[in-house]
Amino acid sequence: MRRNNRRRMSMGEDDDPMSVVSNLFDVAMVFAVALMVALVARYNMTEIFSQEDYTMVKNPGKENMEIITKEGGKINRYTATDESEPSEGKRGKKVGVAYQLENGEIIYVPE
């Protein structure tokens, strides 16, 4: 009679094979959130989550350069294109180069 009581006590919620899947899902979600936080911290992208306005230049000086600005809650992307391509939305072309001197002065050199 004692054996029957032990079996009844051992059979419960822990015997559900699907509980392992839900635990794995929880672990995967924690890992994904930790990975996202690590990537944001590594690439210094914390400005995206702040309330301040900012401007970021991606691939500076190259053909695929992008200027990303955040104004309030709106994020805008500007890309440089050739004149032969039709302009769609907010696009522009490279018209020169700006240099900042050691004293803080900025010099613009048109191309």
PDB file of N, CA and C in Angstrom:
ATOM      1  N   MET A   1       0.807  -1.183   0.000  1.00  0.00           N
ATOM      2  CA  MET A   1       0.000   0.000   0.000  1.00  0.00           C
ATOM      3  C   MET A   1       0.860   1.261   0.000  1.00  0.00           C
ATOM      4  N   ARG A   2       2.027   1.184   0.569  1.00  0.00           N
ATOM      5  CA  ARG A   2       2.912   2.344   0.585  1.00  0.00           C
ATOM      6  C   ARG A   2       3.400   2.672  -0.825  1.00  0.00           C
ATOM      7  N   ARG A   3       3.593   1.667  -1.651  1.00  0.00           N
ATOM      8  CA  ARG A   3       4.056   1.920  -3.019  1.00  0.00           C
ATOM      9  C   ARG A   3       3.052   2.750  -3.811  1.00  0.00           C
ATOM     10  N   ASN A   4       1.789   2.457  -3.657  1.00  0.00           N
ATOM     11  CA  ASN A   4       0.752   3.206  -4.368  1.00  0.00           C
ATOM     12  C   ASN A   4       0.747   4.683  -3.955  1.00  0.00           C
ATOM     13  N   ASN A   5       0.941   4.955  -2.678  1.00  0.00           N
ATOM     14  CA  ASN A   5       0.971   6.334  -2.212  1.00  0.00           C
ATOM     15  C   ASN A   5       2.181   7.080  -2.799  1.00  0.00           C
ATOM     16  N   ARG A   6       3.315   6.393  -2.897  1.00  0.00           N
ATOM     17  CA  ARG A   6       4.515   7.037  -3.444  1.00  0.00           C
ATOM     18  C   ARG A   6       4.307   7.363  -4.923  1.00  0.00           C
ATOM     19  N   ARG A   7       3.687   6.462  -5.657  1.00  0.00           N
ATOM     20  CA  ARG A   7       3.420   6.710  -7.078  1.00  0.00           C
ATOM     21  C   ARG A   7       2.471   7.894  -7.259  1.00  0.00           C
ATOM     22  N   ARG A   8       1.471   7.962  -6.451  1.00  0.00           N
ATOM     23  CA  ARG A   8       0.517   9.058  -6.558  1.00  0.00           C
ATOM     24  C   ARG A   8       1.183  10.391  -6.230  1.00  0.00           C
ATOM     25  N   MET A   9       2.075  10.393  -5.260  1.00  0.00           N
ATOM     26  CA  MET A   9       2.745  11.628  -4.873  1.00  0.00           C
ATOM     27  C   MET A   9       3.755  12.048  -5.947  1.00  0.00           C
ATOM     28  N   SER A  10       4.402  11.073  -6.583  1.00  0.00           N
ATOM     29  CA  SER A  10       5.405  11.422  -7.579  1.00  0.00           C
ATOM     30  C   SER A  10       4.772  11.853  -8.897  1.00  0.00           C
ATOM     31  N   MET A  11       3.571  11.407  -9.169  1.00  0.00           N
ATOM     32  CA  MET A  11       2.897  11.812 -10.410  1.00  0.00           C
ATOM     33  C   MET A  11       2.195  13.140 -10.155  1.00  0.00           C
ATOM     34  N   GLY A  12       2.668  14.165 -10.810  1.00  0.00           N
ATOM     35  CA  GLY A  12       2.084  15.487 -10.625  1.00  0.00           C
ATOM     36  C   GLY A  12       2.429  16.343 -11.822  1.00  0.00           C
ATOM     37  N   GLU A  13       2.609  17.616 -11.582  1.00  0.00           N
ATOM     38  CA  GLU A  13       2.910  18.547 -12.646  1.00  0.00           C
ATOM     39  C   GLU A  13       4.313  18.348 -13.209  1.00  0.00           C
ATOM     40  N   ASP A  14       5.226  17.781 -12.450  1.00  0.00           N
ATOM     41  CA  ASP A  14       6.602  17.596 -12.901  1.00  0.00           C
ATOM     42  C   ASP A  14       6.742  16.523 -13.970  1.00  0.00           C
ATOM     43  N   ASP A  15       5.736  15.705 -14.150  1.00  0.00           N
ATOM     44  CA  ASP A  15       5.817  14.636 -15.129  1.00  0.00           C
ATOM     45  C   ASP A  15       5.358  15.075 -16.514  1.00  0.00           C
ATOM     46  N   ASP A  16       4.981  16.310 -16.672  1.00  0.00           N
ATOM     47  CA  ASP A  16       4.522  16.814 -17.954  1.00  0.00           C
ATOM     48  C   ASP A  16       5.723  17.056 -18.866  1.00  0.00           C
ATOM     49  N   PRO A  17       5.816  16.347 -19.995  1.00  0.00           N
ATOM     50  CA  PRO A  17       6.982  16.529 -20.876  1.00  0.00           C
ATOM     51  C   PRO A  17       7.026  17.898 -21.547  1.00  0.00           C
ATOM     52  N   MET A  18       5.925  18.584 -21.653  1.00  0.00           N
ATOM     53  CA  MET A  18       5.916  19.906 -22.280  1.00  0.00           C
ATOM     54  C   MET A  18       6.467  20.991 -21.360  1.00  0.00           C
ATOM     55  N   SER A  19       6.587  20.710 -20.058  1.00  0.00           N
ATOM     56  CA  SER A  19       7.134  21.720 -19.152  1.00  0.00           C
ATOM     57  C   SER A  19       8.596  22.002 -19.469  1.00  0.00           C
ATOM     58  N   VAL A  20       9.299  21.032 -20.011  1.00  0.00           N
ATOM     59  CA  VAL A  20      10.695  21.234 -20.398  1.00  0.00           C
ATOM     60  C   VAL A  20      10.776  22.233 -21.553  1.00  0.00           C
ATOM     61  N   VAL A  21       9.853  22.139 -22.497  1.00  0.00           N
ATOM     62  CA  VAL A  21       9.845  23.048 -23.637  1.00  0.00           C
ATOM     63  C   VAL A  21       9.600  24.480 -23.183  1.00  0.00           C
ATOM     64  N   SER A  22       8.676  24.676 -22.258  1.00  0.00           N
ATOM     65  CA  SER A  22       8.414  26.034 -21.781  1.00  0.00           C
ATOM     66  C   SER A  22       9.608  26.585 -21.018  1.00  0.00           C
ATOM     67  N   ASN A  23      10.312  25.752 -20.285  1.00  0.00           N
ATOM     68  CA  ASN A  23      11.510  26.207 -19.590  1.00  0.00           C
ATOM     69  C   ASN A  23      12.597  26.581 -20.594  1.00  0.00           C
ATOM     70  N   LEU A  24      12.744  25.828 -21.671  1.00  0.00           N
ATOM     71  CA  LEU A  24      13.729  26.170 -22.699  1.00  0.00           C
ATOM     72  C   LEU A  24      13.374  27.482 -23.387  1.00  0.00           C
ATOM     73  N   PHE A  25      12.098  27.718 -23.598  1.00  0.00           N
ATOM     74  CA  PHE A  25      11.659  28.981 -24.191  1.00  0.00           C
ATOM     75  C   PHE A  25      12.014  30.152 -23.286  1.00  0.00           C
ATOM     76  N   ASP A  26      11.798  29.995 -21.991  1.00  0.00           N
ATOM     77  CA  ASP A  26      12.141  31.060 -21.043  1.00  0.00           C
ATOM     78  C   ASP A  26      13.638  31.349 -21.069  1.00  0.00           C
ATOM     79  N   VAL A  27      14.452  30.319 -21.110  1.00  0.00           N
ATOM     80  CA  VAL A  27      15.901  30.498 -21.159  1.00  0.00           C
ATOM     81  C   VAL A  27      16.306  31.191 -22.459  1.00  0.00           C
ATOM     82  N   ALA A  28      15.688  30.819 -23.571  1.00  0.00           N
ATOM     83  CA  ALA A  28      16.000  31.444 -24.853  1.00  0.00           C
ATOM     84  C   ALA A  28      15.619  32.925 -24.844  1.00  0.00           C
ATOM     85  N   MET A  29      14.508  33.274 -24.245  1.00  0.00           N
ATOM     86  CA  MET A  29      14.094  34.676 -24.180  1.00  0.00           C
ATOM     87  C   MET A  29      15.056  35.494 -23.327  1.00  0.00           C
ATOM     88  N   VAL A  30      15.489  34.954 -22.207  1.00  0.00           N
ATOM     89  CA  VAL A  30      16.463  35.654 -21.355  1.00  0.00           C
ATOM     90  C   VAL A  30      17.776  35.839 -22.114  1.00  0.00           C
ATOM     91  N   PHE A  31      18.208  34.825 -22.838  1.00  0.00           N
ATOM     92  CA  PHE A  31      19.436  34.921 -23.628  1.00  0.00           C
ATOM     93  C   PHE A  31      19.302  35.980 -24.720  1.00  0.00           C
ATOM     94  N   ALA A  32      18.166  36.042 -25.401  1.00  0.00           N
ATOM     95  CA  ALA A  32      17.954  37.016 -26.473  1.00  0.00           C
ATOM     96  C   ALA A  32      17.981  38.441 -25.925  1.00  0.00           C
ATOM     97  N   VAL A  33      17.349  38.679 -24.802  1.00  0.00           N
ATOM     98  CA  VAL A  33      17.341  40.016 -24.207  1.00  0.00           C
ATOM     99  C   VAL A  33      18.757  40.395 -23.759  1.00  0.00           C
ATOM    100  N   ALA A  34      19.476  39.466 -23.172  1.00  0.00           N
ATOM    101  CA  ALA A  34      20.851  39.743 -22.750  1.00  0.00           C
ATOM    102  C   ALA A  34      21.739  40.050 -23.951  1.00  0.00           C
ATOM    103  N   LEU A  35      21.537  39.346 -25.047  1.00  0.00           N
ATOM    104  CA  LEU A  35      22.316  39.596 -26.257  1.00  0.00           C
ATOM    105  C   LEU A  35      22.016  40.978 -26.830  1.00  0.00           C
ATOM    106  N   MET A  36      20.754  41.375 -26.847  1.00  0.00           N
ATOM    107  CA  MET A  36      20.401  42.705 -27.350  1.00  0.00           C
ATOM    108  C   MET A  36      21.015  43.803 -26.482  1.00  0.00           C
ATOM    109  N   VAL A  37      20.965  43.640 -25.163  1.00  0.00           N
ATOM    110  CA  VAL A  37      21.553  44.633 -24.268  1.00  0.00           C
ATOM    111  C   VAL A  37      23.062  44.712 -24.479  1.00  0.00           C
ATOM    112  N   ALA A  38      23.719  43.568 -24.662  1.00  0.00           N
ATOM    113  CA  ALA A  38      25.159  43.555 -24.883  1.00  0.00           C
ATOM    114  C   ALA A  38      25.526  44.237 -26.198  1.00  0.00           C
ATOM    115  N   LEU A  39      24.748  44.018 -27.254  1.00  0.00           N
ATOM    116  CA  LEU A  39      25.026  44.658 -28.542  1.00  0.00           C
ATOM    117  C   LEU A  39      24.819  46.169 -28.483  1.00  0.00           C
ATOM    118  N   VAL A  40      23.780  46.613 -27.808  1.00  0.00           N
ATOM    119  CA  VAL A  40      23.536  48.049 -27.670  1.00  0.00           C
ATOM    120  C   VAL A  40      24.680  48.689 -26.889  1.00  0.00           C
ATOM    121  N   ALA A  41      25.134  48.040 -25.837  1.00  0.00           N
ATOM    122  CA  ALA A  41      26.232  48.589 -25.048  1.00  0.00           C
ATOM    123  C   ALA A  41      27.547  48.547 -25.820  1.00  0.00           C
ATOM    124  N   ARG A  42      27.783  47.512 -26.587  1.00  0.00           N
ATOM    125  CA  ARG A  42      29.045  47.360 -27.320  1.00  0.00           C
ATOM    126  C   ARG A  42      29.185  48.385 -28.432  1.00  0.00           C
ATOM    127  N   TYR A  43      28.133  48.643 -29.174  1.00  0.00           N
ATOM    128  CA  TYR A  43      28.203  49.550 -30.308  1.00  0.00           C
ATOM    129  C   TYR A  43      27.772  50.971 -29.961  1.00  0.00           C
ATOM    130  N   ASN A  44      27.695  51.296 -28.672  1.00  0.00           N
ATOM    131  CA  ASN A  44      27.376  52.647 -28.197  1.00  0.00           C
ATOM    132  C   ASN A  44      26.114  53.199 -28.858  1.00  0.00           C
ATOM    133  N   MET A  45      25.065  52.430 -28.846  1.00  0.00           N
ATOM    134  CA  MET A  45      23.810  52.831 -29.458  1.00  0.00           C
ATOM    135  C   MET A  45      22.791  53.263 -28.407  1.00  0.00           C
ATOM    136  N   THR A  46      23.254  53.666 -27.243  1.00  0.00           N
ATOM    137  CA  THR A  46      22.327  54.039 -26.183  1.00  0.00           C
ATOM    138  C   THR A  46      21.555  55.310 -26.506  1.00  0.00           C
ATOM    139  N   GLU A  47      22.049  56.130 -27.480  1.00  0.00           N
ATOM    140  CA  GLU A  47      21.342  57.352 -27.848  1.00  0.00           C
ATOM    141  C   GLU A  47      19.955  57.052 -28.403  1.00  0.00           C
ATOM    142  N   ILE A  48      19.813  55.912 -29.019  1.00  0.00           N
ATOM    143  CA  ILE A  48      18.530  55.561 -29.630  1.00  0.00           C
ATOM    144  C   ILE A  48      17.419  55.520 -28.586  1.00  0.00           C
ATOM    145  N   PHE A  49      17.749  55.131 -27.366  1.00  0.00           N
ATOM    146  CA  PHE A  49      16.739  54.979 -26.328  1.00  0.00           C
ATOM    147  C   PHE A  49      16.583  56.224 -25.461  1.00  0.00           C
ATOM    148  N   SER A  50      17.400  57.257 -25.686  1.00  0.00           N
ATOM    149  CA  SER A  50      17.294  58.473 -24.888  1.00  0.00           C
ATOM    150  C   SER A  50      16.268  59.422 -25.512  1.00  0.00           C
ATOM    151  N   GLN A  51      15.923  60.476 -24.797  1.00  0.00           N
ATOM    152  CA  GLN A  51      14.964  61.457 -25.277  1.00  0.00           C
ATOM    153  C   GLN A  51      15.645  62.561 -26.081  1.00  0.00           C
ATOM    154  N   GLU A  52      16.976  62.583 -26.121  1.00  0.00           N
ATOM    155  CA  GLU A  52      17.714  63.638 -26.802  1.00  0.00           C
ATOM    156  C   GLU A  52      17.711  63.432 -28.317  1.00  0.00           C
ATOM    157  N   ASP A  53      17.801  64.540 -29.055  1.00  0.00           N
ATOM    158  CA  ASP A  53      17.962  64.479 -30.509  1.00  0.00           C
ATOM    159  C   ASP A  53      19.421  64.173 -30.823  1.00  0.00           C
ATOM    160  N   TYR A  54      19.670  63.443 -31.895  1.00  0.00           N
ATOM    161  CA  TYR A  54      21.044  63.114 -32.261  1.00  0.00           C
ATOM    162  C   TYR A  54      21.139  62.887 -33.761  1.00  0.00           C
ATOM    163  N   THR A  55      22.383  62.919 -34.242  1.00  0.00           N
ATOM    164  CA  THR A  55      22.691  62.623 -35.644  1.00  0.00           C
ATOM    165  C   THR A  55      23.834  61.624 -35.667  1.00  0.00           C
ATOM    166  N   MET A  56      23.686  60.570 -36.472  1.00  0.00           N
ATOM    167  CA  MET A  56      24.706  59.533 -36.569  1.00  0.00           C
ATOM    168  C   MET A  56      25.042  59.336 -38.047  1.00  0.00           C
ATOM    169  N   VAL A  57      26.334  59.223 -38.358  1.00  0.00           N
ATOM    170  CA  VAL A  57      26.773  58.989 -39.724  1.00  0.00           C
ATOM    171  C   VAL A  57      27.273  57.553 -39.816  1.00  0.00           C
ATOM    172  N   LYS A  58      26.704  56.805 -40.717  1.00  0.00           N
ATOM    173  CA  LYS A  58      27.061  55.400 -40.915  1.00  0.00           C
ATOM    174  C   LYS A  58      27.890  55.302 -42.194  1.00  0.00           C
ATOM    175  N   ASN A  59      29.044  54.642 -42.152  1.00  0.00           N
ATOM    176  CA  ASN A  59      29.983  54.501 -43.277  1.00  0.00           C
ATOM    177  C   ASN A  59      30.416  55.867 -43.816  1.00  0.00           C
ATOM    178  N   PRO A  60      31.037  56.709 -42.985  1.00  0.00           N
ATOM    179  CA  PRO A  60      31.384  58.063 -43.451  1.00  0.00           C
ATOM    180  C   PRO A  60      32.403  58.042 -44.586  1.00  0.00           C
ATOM    181  N   GLY A  61      32.159  58.875 -45.601  1.00  0.00           N
ATOM    182  CA  GLY A  61      33.072  59.027 -46.718  1.00  0.00           C
ATOM    183  C   GLY A  61      32.982  57.959 -47.788  1.00  0.00           C
ATOM    184  N   LYS A  62      32.088  57.006 -47.645  1.00  0.00           N
ATOM    185  CA  LYS A  62      31.949  55.934 -48.626  1.00  0.00           C
ATOM    186  C   LYS A  62      30.685  56.148 -49.454  1.00  0.00           C
ATOM    187  N   GLU A  63      30.550  55.371 -50.525  1.00  0.00           N
ATOM    188  CA  GLU A  63      29.383  55.518 -51.398  1.00  0.00           C
ATOM    189  C   GLU A  63      28.078  55.162 -50.703  1.00  0.00           C
ATOM    190  N   ASN A  64      28.117  54.216 -49.789  1.00  0.00           N
ATOM    191  CA  ASN A  64      26.892  53.785 -49.110  1.00  0.00           C
ATOM    192  C   ASN A  64      26.707  54.506 -47.766  1.00  0.00           C
ATOM    193  N   MET A  65      27.202  55.732 -47.657  1.00  0.00           N
ATOM    194  CA  MET A  65      27.086  56.512 -46.432  1.00  0.00           C
ATOM    195  C   MET A  65      25.626  56.841 -46.151  1.00  0.00           C
ATOM    196  N   GLU A  66      25.253  56.770 -44.883  1.00  0.00           N
ATOM    197  CA  GLU A  66      23.905  57.122 -44.447  1.00  0.00           C
ATOM    198  C   GLU A  66      24.000  58.095 -43.289  1.00  0.00           C
ATOM    199  N   ILE A  67      23.090  59.048 -43.250  1.00  0.00           N
ATOM    200  CA  ILE A  67      22.984  59.971 -42.129  1.00  0.00           C
ATOM    201  C   ILE A  67      21.658  59.670 -41.444  1.00  0.00           C
ATOM    202  N   ILE A  68      21.731  59.305 -40.180  1.00  0.00           N
ATOM    203  CA  ILE A  68      20.544  58.941 -39.412  1.00  0.00           C
ATOM    204  C   ILE A  68      20.332  60.016 -38.356  1.00  0.00           C
ATOM    205  N   THR A  69      19.164  60.649 -38.353  1.00  0.00           N
ATOM    206  CA  THR A  69      18.860  61.683 -37.373  1.00  0.00           C
ATOM    207  C   THR A  69      17.618  61.299 -36.583  1.00  0.00           C
ATOM    208  N   LYS A  70      17.624  61.680 -35.318  1.00  0.00           N
ATOM    209  CA  LYS A  70      16.454  61.467 -34.475  1.00  0.00           C
ATOM    210  C   LYS A  70      16.011  62.826 -33.972  1.00  0.00           C
ATOM    211  N   GLU A  71      14.817  63.202 -34.316  1.00  0.00           N
ATOM    212  CA  GLU A  71      14.236  64.473 -33.901  1.00  0.00           C
ATOM    213  C   GLU A  71      12.940  64.176 -33.171  1.00  0.00           C
ATOM    214  N   GLY A  72      12.974  64.339 -31.867  1.00  0.00           N
ATOM    215  CA  GLY A  72      11.806  63.981 -31.058  1.00  0.00           C
ATOM    216  C   GLY A  72      11.643  62.467 -31.054  1.00  0.00           C
ATOM    217  N   GLY A  73      10.521  61.980 -31.508  1.00  0.00           N
ATOM    218  CA  GLY A  73      10.291  60.545 -31.589  1.00  0.00           C
ATOM    219  C   GLY A  73      10.431  60.002 -33.000  1.00  0.00           C
ATOM    220  N   LYS A  74      10.840  60.863 -33.949  1.00  0.00           N
ATOM    221  CA  LYS A  74      10.908  60.463 -35.350  1.00  0.00           C
ATOM    222  C   LYS A  74      12.357  60.235 -35.766  1.00  0.00           C
ATOM    223  N   ILE A  75      12.616  59.133 -36.454  1.00  0.00           N
ATOM    224  CA  ILE A  75      13.954  58.796 -36.945  1.00  0.00           C
ATOM    225  C   ILE A  75      13.947  58.901 -38.464  1.00  0.00           C
ATOM    226  N   ASN A  76      14.879  59.694 -39.009  1.00  0.00           N
ATOM    227  CA  ASN A  76      14.995  59.901 -40.457  1.00  0.00           C
ATOM    228  C   ASN A  76      16.316  59.334 -40.944  1.00  0.00           C
ATOM    229  N   ARG A  77      16.295  58.765 -42.150  1.00  0.00           N
ATOM    230  CA  ARG A  77      17.511  58.255 -42.795  1.00  0.00           C
ATOM    231  C   ARG A  77      17.711  58.983 -44.105  1.00  0.00           C
ATOM    232  N   TYR A  78      18.928  59.479 -44.312  1.00  0.00           N
ATOM    233  CA  TYR A  78      19.298  60.128 -45.557  1.00  0.00           C
ATOM    234  C   TYR A  78      20.422  59.314 -46.184  1.00  0.00           C
ATOM    235  N   THR A  79      20.313  59.024 -47.477  1.00  0.00           N
ATOM    236  CA  THR A  79      21.350  58.274 -48.176  1.00  0.00           C
ATOM    237  C   THR A  79      21.803  59.065 -49.388  1.00  0.00           C
ATOM    238  N   ALA A  80      23.075  58.931 -49.726  1.00  0.00           N
ATOM    239  CA  ALA A  80      23.621  59.599 -50.909  1.00  0.00           C
ATOM    240  C   ALA A  80      23.404  58.708 -52.122  1.00  0.00           C
ATOM    241  N   THR A  81      22.969  59.309 -53.240  1.00  0.00           N
ATOM    242  CA  THR A  81      22.734  58.549 -54.469  1.00  0.00           C
ATOM    243  C   THR A  81      23.320  59.299 -55.651  1.00  0.00           C
ATOM    244  N   ASP A  82      23.464  58.616 -56.772  1.00  0.00           N
ATOM    245  CA  ASP A  82      23.883  59.276 -58.004  1.00  0.00           C
ATOM    246  C   ASP A  82      22.733  60.105 -58.547  1.00  0.00           C
ATOM    247  N   GLU A  83      23.062  61.088 -59.400  1.00  0.00           N
ATOM    248  CA  GLU A  83      22.019  61.938 -59.974  1.00  0.00           C
ATOM    249  C   GLU A  83      21.158  61.173 -60.967  1.00  0.00           C
ATOM    250  N   SER A  84      21.702  60.088 -61.568  1.00  0.00           N
ATOM    251  CA  SER A  84      20.948  59.343 -62.573  1.00  0.00           C
ATOM    252  C   SER A  84      19.800  58.548 -61.960  1.00  0.00           C
ATOM    253  N   GLU A  85      19.908  58.227 -60.688  1.00  0.00           N
ATOM    254  CA  GLU A  85      18.840  57.456 -60.034  1.00  0.00           C
ATOM    255  C   GLU A  85      17.692  58.390 -59.677  1.00  0.00           C
ATOM    256  N   PRO A  86      16.458  57.901 -59.791  1.00  0.00           N
ATOM    257  CA  PRO A  86      15.331  58.741 -59.390  1.00  0.00           C
ATOM    258  C   PRO A  86      15.337  58.936 -57.877  1.00  0.00           C
ATOM    259  N   SER A  87      15.023  60.136 -57.465  1.00  0.00           N
ATOM    260  CA  SER A  87      15.022  60.404 -56.025  1.00  0.00           C
ATOM    261  C   SER A  87      13.696  59.942 -55.435  1.00  0.00           C
ATOM    262  N   GLU A  88      13.797  59.186 -54.377  1.00  0.00           N
ATOM    263  CA  GLU A  88      12.624  58.682 -53.676  1.00  0.00           C
ATOM    264  C   GLU A  88      12.713  59.143 -52.239  1.00  0.00           C
ATOM    265  N   GLY A  89      11.799  59.968 -51.822  1.00  0.00           N
ATOM    266  CA  GLY A  89      11.795  60.392 -50.434  1.00  0.00           C
ATOM    267  C   GLY A  89      12.944  61.339 -50.147  1.00  0.00           C
ATOM    268  N   LYS A  90      13.601  61.138 -49.024  1.00  0.00           N
ATOM    269  CA  LYS A  90      14.677  62.019 -48.592  1.00  0.00           C
ATOM    270  C   LYS A  90      16.018  61.424 -48.990  1.00  0.00           C
ATOM    271  N   ARG A  91      16.501  61.813 -50.144  1.00  0.00           N
ATOM    272  CA  ARG A  91      17.795  61.350 -50.630  1.00  0.00           C
ATOM    273  C   ARG A  91      18.610  62.568 -51.007  1.00  0.00           C
ATOM    274  N   GLY A  92      19.894  62.395 -51.078  1.00  0.00           N
ATOM    275  CA  GLY A  92      20.756  63.507 -51.437  1.00  0.00           C
ATOM    276  C   GLY A  92      21.992  62.989 -52.120  1.00  0.00           C
ATOM    277  N   LYS A  93      22.911  63.914 -52.410  1.00  0.00           N
ATOM    278  CA  LYS A  93      24.160  63.513 -53.029  1.00  0.00           C
ATOM    279  C   LYS A  93      25.290  64.206 -52.293  1.00  0.00           C
ATOM    280  N   LYS A  94      26.459  63.644 -52.383  1.00  0.00           N
ATOM    281  CA  LYS A  94      27.623  64.192 -51.723  1.00  0.00           C
ATOM    282  C   LYS A  94      28.071  65.419 -52.515  1.00  0.00           C
ATOM    283  N   VAL A  95      28.171  66.566 -51.842  1.00  0.00           N
ATOM    284  CA  VAL A  95      28.553  67.797 -52.525  1.00  0.00           C
ATOM    285  C   VAL A  95      29.894  68.325 -52.039  1.00  0.00           C
ATOM    286  N   GLY A  96      30.461  67.705 -51.057  1.00  0.00           N
ATOM    287  CA  GLY A  96      31.748  68.164 -50.564  1.00  0.00           C
ATOM    288  C   GLY A  96      32.142  67.431 -49.307  1.00  0.00           C
ATOM    289  N   VAL A  97      33.224  67.917 -48.702  1.00  0.00           N
ATOM    290  CA  VAL A  97      33.762  67.296 -47.496  1.00  0.00           C
ATOM    291  C   VAL A  97      33.972  68.396 -46.466  1.00  0.00           C
ATOM    292  N   ALA A  98      33.663  68.122 -45.219  1.00  0.00           N
ATOM    293  CA  ALA A  98      33.886  69.069 -44.134  1.00  0.00           C
ATOM    294  C   ALA A  98      34.977  68.514 -43.220  1.00  0.00           C
ATOM    295  N   TYR A  99      35.910  69.379 -42.836  1.00  0.00           N
ATOM    296  CA  TYR A  99      37.000  69.012 -41.944  1.00  0.00           C
ATOM    297  C   TYR A  99      36.933  69.880 -40.701  1.00  0.00           C
ATOM    298  N   GLN A 100      37.194  69.281 -39.546  1.00  0.00           N
ATOM    299  CA  GLN A 100      37.238  70.041 -38.301  1.00  0.00           C
ATOM    300  C   GLN A 100      38.695  70.165 -37.871  1.00  0.00           C
ATOM    301  N   LEU A 101      39.145  71.394 -37.669  1.00  0.00           N
ATOM    302  CA  LEU A 101      40.521  71.657 -37.264  1.00  0.00           C
ATOM    303  C   LEU A 101      40.678  71.448 -35.765  1.00  0.00           C
ATOM    304  N   GLU A 102      41.908  71.458 -35.294  1.00  0.00           N
ATOM    305  CA  GLU A 102      42.188  71.247 -33.877  1.00  0.00           C
ATOM    306  C   GLU A 102      41.561  72.328 -32.998  1.00  0.00           C
ATOM    307  N   ASN A 103      41.435  73.555 -33.512  1.00  0.00           N
ATOM    308  CA  ASN A 103      40.854  74.640 -32.723  1.00  0.00           C
ATOM    309  C   ASN A 103      39.321  74.611 -32.743  1.00  0.00           C
ATOM    310  N   GLY A 104      38.713  73.643 -33.416  1.00  0.00           N
ATOM    311  CA  GLY A 104      37.260  73.511 -33.438  1.00  0.00           C
ATOM    312  C   GLY A 104      36.603  74.107 -34.662  1.00  0.00           C
ATOM    313  N   GLU A 105      37.363  74.829 -35.492  1.00  0.00           N
ATOM    314  CA  GLU A 105      36.828  75.440 -36.692  1.00  0.00           C
ATOM    315  C   GLU A 105      36.541  74.371 -37.733  1.00  0.00           C
ATOM    316  N   ILE A 106      35.425  74.508 -38.466  1.00  0.00           N
ATOM    317  CA  ILE A 106      35.048  73.538 -39.486  1.00  0.00           C
ATOM    318  C   ILE A 106      35.222  74.181 -40.854  1.00  0.00           C
ATOM    319  N   ILE A 107      35.902  73.488 -41.745  1.00  0.00           N
ATOM    320  CA  ILE A 107      36.153  73.980 -43.101  1.00  0.00           C
ATOM    321  C   ILE A 107      35.430  73.057 -44.070  1.00  0.00           C
ATOM    322  N   TYR A 108      34.633  73.673 -44.981  1.00  0.00           N
ATOM    323  CA  TYR A 108      33.900  72.913 -45.991  1.00  0.00           C
ATOM    324  C   TYR A 108      34.638  73.029 -47.318  1.00  0.00           C
ATOM    325  N   VAL A 109      34.892  71.878 -47.970  1.00  0.00           N
ATOM    326  CA  VAL A 109      35.575  71.850 -49.255  1.00  0.00           C
ATOM    327  C   VAL A 109      34.620  71.262 -50.280  1.00  0.00           C
ATOM    328  N   PRO A 110      34.092  72.076 -51.216  1.00  0.00           N
ATOM    329  CA  PRO A 110      33.177  71.540 -52.225  1.00  0.00           C
ATOM    330  C   PRO A 110      33.941  70.676 -53.233  1.00  0.00           C
ATOM    331  N   GLU A 111      33.246  69.720 -53.811  1.00  0.00           N
ATOM    332  CA  GLU A 111      33.866  68.828 -54.802  1.00  0.00           C
ATOM    333  C   GLU A 111      33.544  69.270 -56.201  1.00  0.00           C
TER     334      GLU A 111
END
